């Protein structure tokens, strides 16, 4: 399973999860930092969840 956050231009901002997980319900929080540890700007972001053959891509807004 993986959950990744991208900016509106499609550049990867943060990898939240990239590991095998057991079946069931899970949650994750993003503290608005990027892969380098810096804070991201206010704006629109896209997150992509991949689990086996399941793939979902959604938009989200980050407001400071």
N, C-alpha and C. Protein backbone atom coordinates (compact mmCIF):
# COMPACT_ATOMS: atom_id res chain seq x y z
N UNK A 1 0.85 -1.17 0.00
CA UNK A 1 0.00 0.00 0.00
C UNK A 1 0.89 1.23 0.00
N UNK A 2 0.45 2.25 -0.73
CA UNK A 2 1.17 3.51 -0.70
C UNK A 2 0.18 4.67 -0.76
N UNK A 3 0.55 5.73 -0.08
CA UNK A 3 -0.19 6.99 -0.15
C UNK A 3 0.84 8.08 -0.41
N UNK A 4 0.66 8.78 -1.52
CA UNK A 4 1.59 9.84 -1.89
C UNK A 4 0.82 11.13 -2.15
N UNK A 5 1.45 12.25 -1.83
CA UNK A 5 0.86 13.58 -2.04
C UNK A 5 1.66 14.27 -3.14
N UNK A 6 0.94 14.89 -4.08
CA UNK A 6 1.56 15.59 -5.21
C UNK A 6 1.08 17.03 -5.24
N UNK A 7 1.91 17.93 -5.78
CA UNK A 7 1.44 19.30 -5.99
C UNK A 7 0.60 19.32 -7.26
N UNK A 8 0.04 20.46 -7.57
CA UNK A 8 -0.88 20.58 -8.70
C UNK A 8 -0.17 20.36 -10.05
N UNK A 9 1.15 20.48 -10.06
CA UNK A 9 1.93 20.23 -11.28
C UNK A 9 2.34 18.76 -11.42
N UNK A 10 1.97 17.94 -10.44
CA UNK A 10 2.25 16.51 -10.51
C UNK A 10 3.57 16.09 -9.88
N UNK A 11 4.26 17.00 -9.22
CA UNK A 11 5.53 16.66 -8.57
C UNK A 11 5.22 16.05 -7.20
N UNK A 12 5.90 14.96 -6.88
CA UNK A 12 5.68 14.33 -5.58
C UNK A 12 6.17 15.24 -4.46
N UNK A 13 5.31 15.45 -3.48
CA UNK A 13 5.61 16.29 -2.34
C UNK A 13 5.97 15.44 -1.12
N UNK A 14 5.19 14.40 -0.88
CA UNK A 14 5.38 13.60 0.34
C UNK A 14 4.90 12.18 0.11
N UNK A 15 5.67 11.21 0.59
CA UNK A 15 5.23 9.82 0.67
C UNK A 15 4.80 9.57 2.10
N UNK A 16 3.51 9.33 2.32
CA UNK A 16 3.00 9.12 3.66
C UNK A 16 3.14 7.67 4.09
N UNK A 17 2.85 6.74 3.20
CA UNK A 17 2.97 5.31 3.50
C UNK A 17 3.50 4.63 2.25
N UNK A 18 4.41 3.69 2.43
CA UNK A 18 4.90 2.86 1.34
C UNK A 18 5.36 1.54 1.94
N UNK A 19 4.38 0.72 2.34
CA UNK A 19 4.69 -0.55 3.00
C UNK A 19 3.50 -1.49 2.92
N UNK A 20 3.73 -2.75 3.19
CA UNK A 20 2.65 -3.74 3.27
C UNK A 20 1.87 -3.48 4.55
N UNK A 21 0.54 -3.62 4.45
CA UNK A 21 -0.31 -3.43 5.62
C UNK A 21 -1.36 -4.54 5.65
N UNK A 22 -1.83 -4.85 6.84
CA UNK A 22 -2.88 -5.85 6.96
C UNK A 22 -4.19 -5.27 6.46
N UNK A 23 -5.09 -6.14 6.06
CA UNK A 23 -6.42 -5.70 5.62
C UNK A 23 -7.15 -5.05 6.78
N UNK A 24 -7.99 -4.08 6.49
CA UNK A 24 -8.75 -3.42 7.54
C UNK A 24 -8.72 -1.92 7.37
N UNK A 25 -9.19 -1.25 8.38
CA UNK A 25 -9.28 0.20 8.37
C UNK A 25 -8.02 0.81 8.99
N UNK A 26 -7.48 1.81 8.31
CA UNK A 26 -6.27 2.49 8.79
C UNK A 26 -6.46 3.99 8.60
N UNK A 27 -5.70 4.78 9.32
CA UNK A 27 -5.74 6.23 9.13
C UNK A 27 -4.32 6.77 9.13
N UNK A 28 -4.17 7.94 8.51
CA UNK A 28 -2.87 8.58 8.44
C UNK A 28 -3.10 10.09 8.49
N UNK A 29 -2.19 10.82 9.11
CA UNK A 29 -2.25 12.27 9.14
C UNK A 29 -1.04 12.84 8.43
N UNK A 30 -1.25 13.92 7.71
CA UNK A 30 -0.17 14.64 7.03
C UNK A 30 0.00 15.97 7.73
N UNK A 31 1.19 16.24 8.23
CA UNK A 31 1.44 17.49 8.96
C UNK A 31 1.96 18.61 8.06
N UNK A 32 1.63 18.51 6.77
CA UNK A 32 1.94 19.54 5.77
C UNK A 32 3.43 19.77 5.58
N UNK A 33 4.22 18.70 5.72
CA UNK A 33 5.64 18.82 5.40
C UNK A 33 5.91 18.03 4.12
N UNK A 34 7.06 18.31 3.51
CA UNK A 34 7.43 17.59 2.29
C UNK A 34 8.45 16.50 2.64
N UNK A 35 8.93 15.79 1.64
CA UNK A 35 9.89 14.70 1.87
C UNK A 35 11.21 15.19 2.45
N UNK A 36 11.51 16.48 2.30
CA UNK A 36 12.75 17.05 2.83
C UNK A 36 12.58 17.64 4.23
N UNK A 37 11.34 17.63 4.75
CA UNK A 37 11.08 18.15 6.09
C UNK A 37 10.61 19.58 6.13
N UNK A 38 10.57 20.26 4.99
CA UNK A 38 10.08 21.65 4.95
C UNK A 38 8.57 21.70 4.87
N UNK A 39 8.02 22.82 5.26
CA UNK A 39 6.56 23.01 5.20
C UNK A 39 6.13 23.35 3.79
N UNK A 40 4.94 22.89 3.41
CA UNK A 40 4.41 23.18 2.08
C UNK A 40 3.57 24.45 2.10
N UNK A 41 3.31 25.00 0.94
CA UNK A 41 2.53 26.22 0.80
C UNK A 41 1.03 25.91 0.79
N UNK A 42 0.24 26.93 1.11
CA UNK A 42 -1.20 26.84 0.96
C UNK A 42 -1.52 26.58 -0.50
N UNK A 43 -2.48 25.70 -0.76
CA UNK A 43 -2.87 25.44 -2.14
C UNK A 43 -3.56 24.11 -2.32
N UNK A 44 -3.72 23.73 -3.58
CA UNK A 44 -4.35 22.47 -3.94
C UNK A 44 -3.29 21.38 -4.06
N UNK A 45 -3.62 20.21 -3.56
CA UNK A 45 -2.75 19.05 -3.64
C UNK A 45 -3.56 17.85 -4.09
N UNK A 46 -2.88 16.84 -4.58
CA UNK A 46 -3.52 15.61 -5.04
C UNK A 46 -2.91 14.47 -4.24
N UNK A 47 -3.75 13.57 -3.76
CA UNK A 47 -3.21 12.39 -3.10
C UNK A 47 -3.64 11.15 -3.85
N UNK A 48 -2.77 10.17 -3.86
CA UNK A 48 -3.00 8.93 -4.60
C UNK A 48 -2.80 7.75 -3.66
N UNK A 49 -3.82 6.92 -3.56
CA UNK A 49 -3.78 5.72 -2.73
C UNK A 49 -3.70 4.52 -3.65
N UNK A 50 -2.71 3.67 -3.43
CA UNK A 50 -2.56 2.44 -4.21
C UNK A 50 -2.49 1.27 -3.24
N UNK A 51 -3.38 0.30 -3.43
CA UNK A 51 -3.39 -0.90 -2.59
C UNK A 51 -3.75 -2.08 -3.49
N UNK A 52 -2.75 -2.88 -3.83
CA UNK A 52 -2.99 -3.98 -4.76
C UNK A 52 -3.42 -3.43 -6.11
N UNK A 53 -4.58 -3.87 -6.61
CA UNK A 53 -5.08 -3.36 -7.88
C UNK A 53 -5.96 -2.12 -7.71
N UNK A 54 -6.22 -1.73 -6.46
CA UNK A 54 -7.04 -0.54 -6.19
C UNK A 54 -6.18 0.71 -6.28
N UNK A 55 -6.66 1.70 -7.03
CA UNK A 55 -5.98 3.00 -7.13
C UNK A 55 -7.04 4.09 -7.06
N UNK A 56 -6.83 5.07 -6.18
CA UNK A 56 -7.75 6.22 -6.08
C UNK A 56 -6.92 7.49 -6.04
N UNK A 57 -7.37 8.49 -6.78
CA UNK A 57 -6.71 9.79 -6.82
C UNK A 57 -7.74 10.85 -6.50
N UNK A 58 -7.45 11.71 -5.52
CA UNK A 58 -8.39 12.75 -5.08
C UNK A 58 -7.65 14.07 -4.90
N UNK A 59 -8.41 15.17 -4.94
CA UNK A 59 -7.86 16.50 -4.70
C UNK A 59 -8.12 16.89 -3.25
N UNK A 60 -7.25 17.74 -2.72
CA UNK A 60 -7.47 18.31 -1.39
C UNK A 60 -6.90 19.71 -1.34
N UNK A 61 -7.44 20.51 -0.44
CA UNK A 61 -6.95 21.88 -0.24
C UNK A 61 -6.19 21.94 1.08
N UNK A 62 -5.08 22.66 1.06
CA UNK A 62 -4.34 22.90 2.29
C UNK A 62 -4.41 24.39 2.56
N UNK A 63 -4.97 24.75 3.73
CA UNK A 63 -5.11 26.14 4.12
C UNK A 63 -4.42 26.34 5.45
N UNK A 64 -3.53 27.30 5.52
CA UNK A 64 -2.81 27.59 6.76
C UNK A 64 -3.66 28.40 7.69
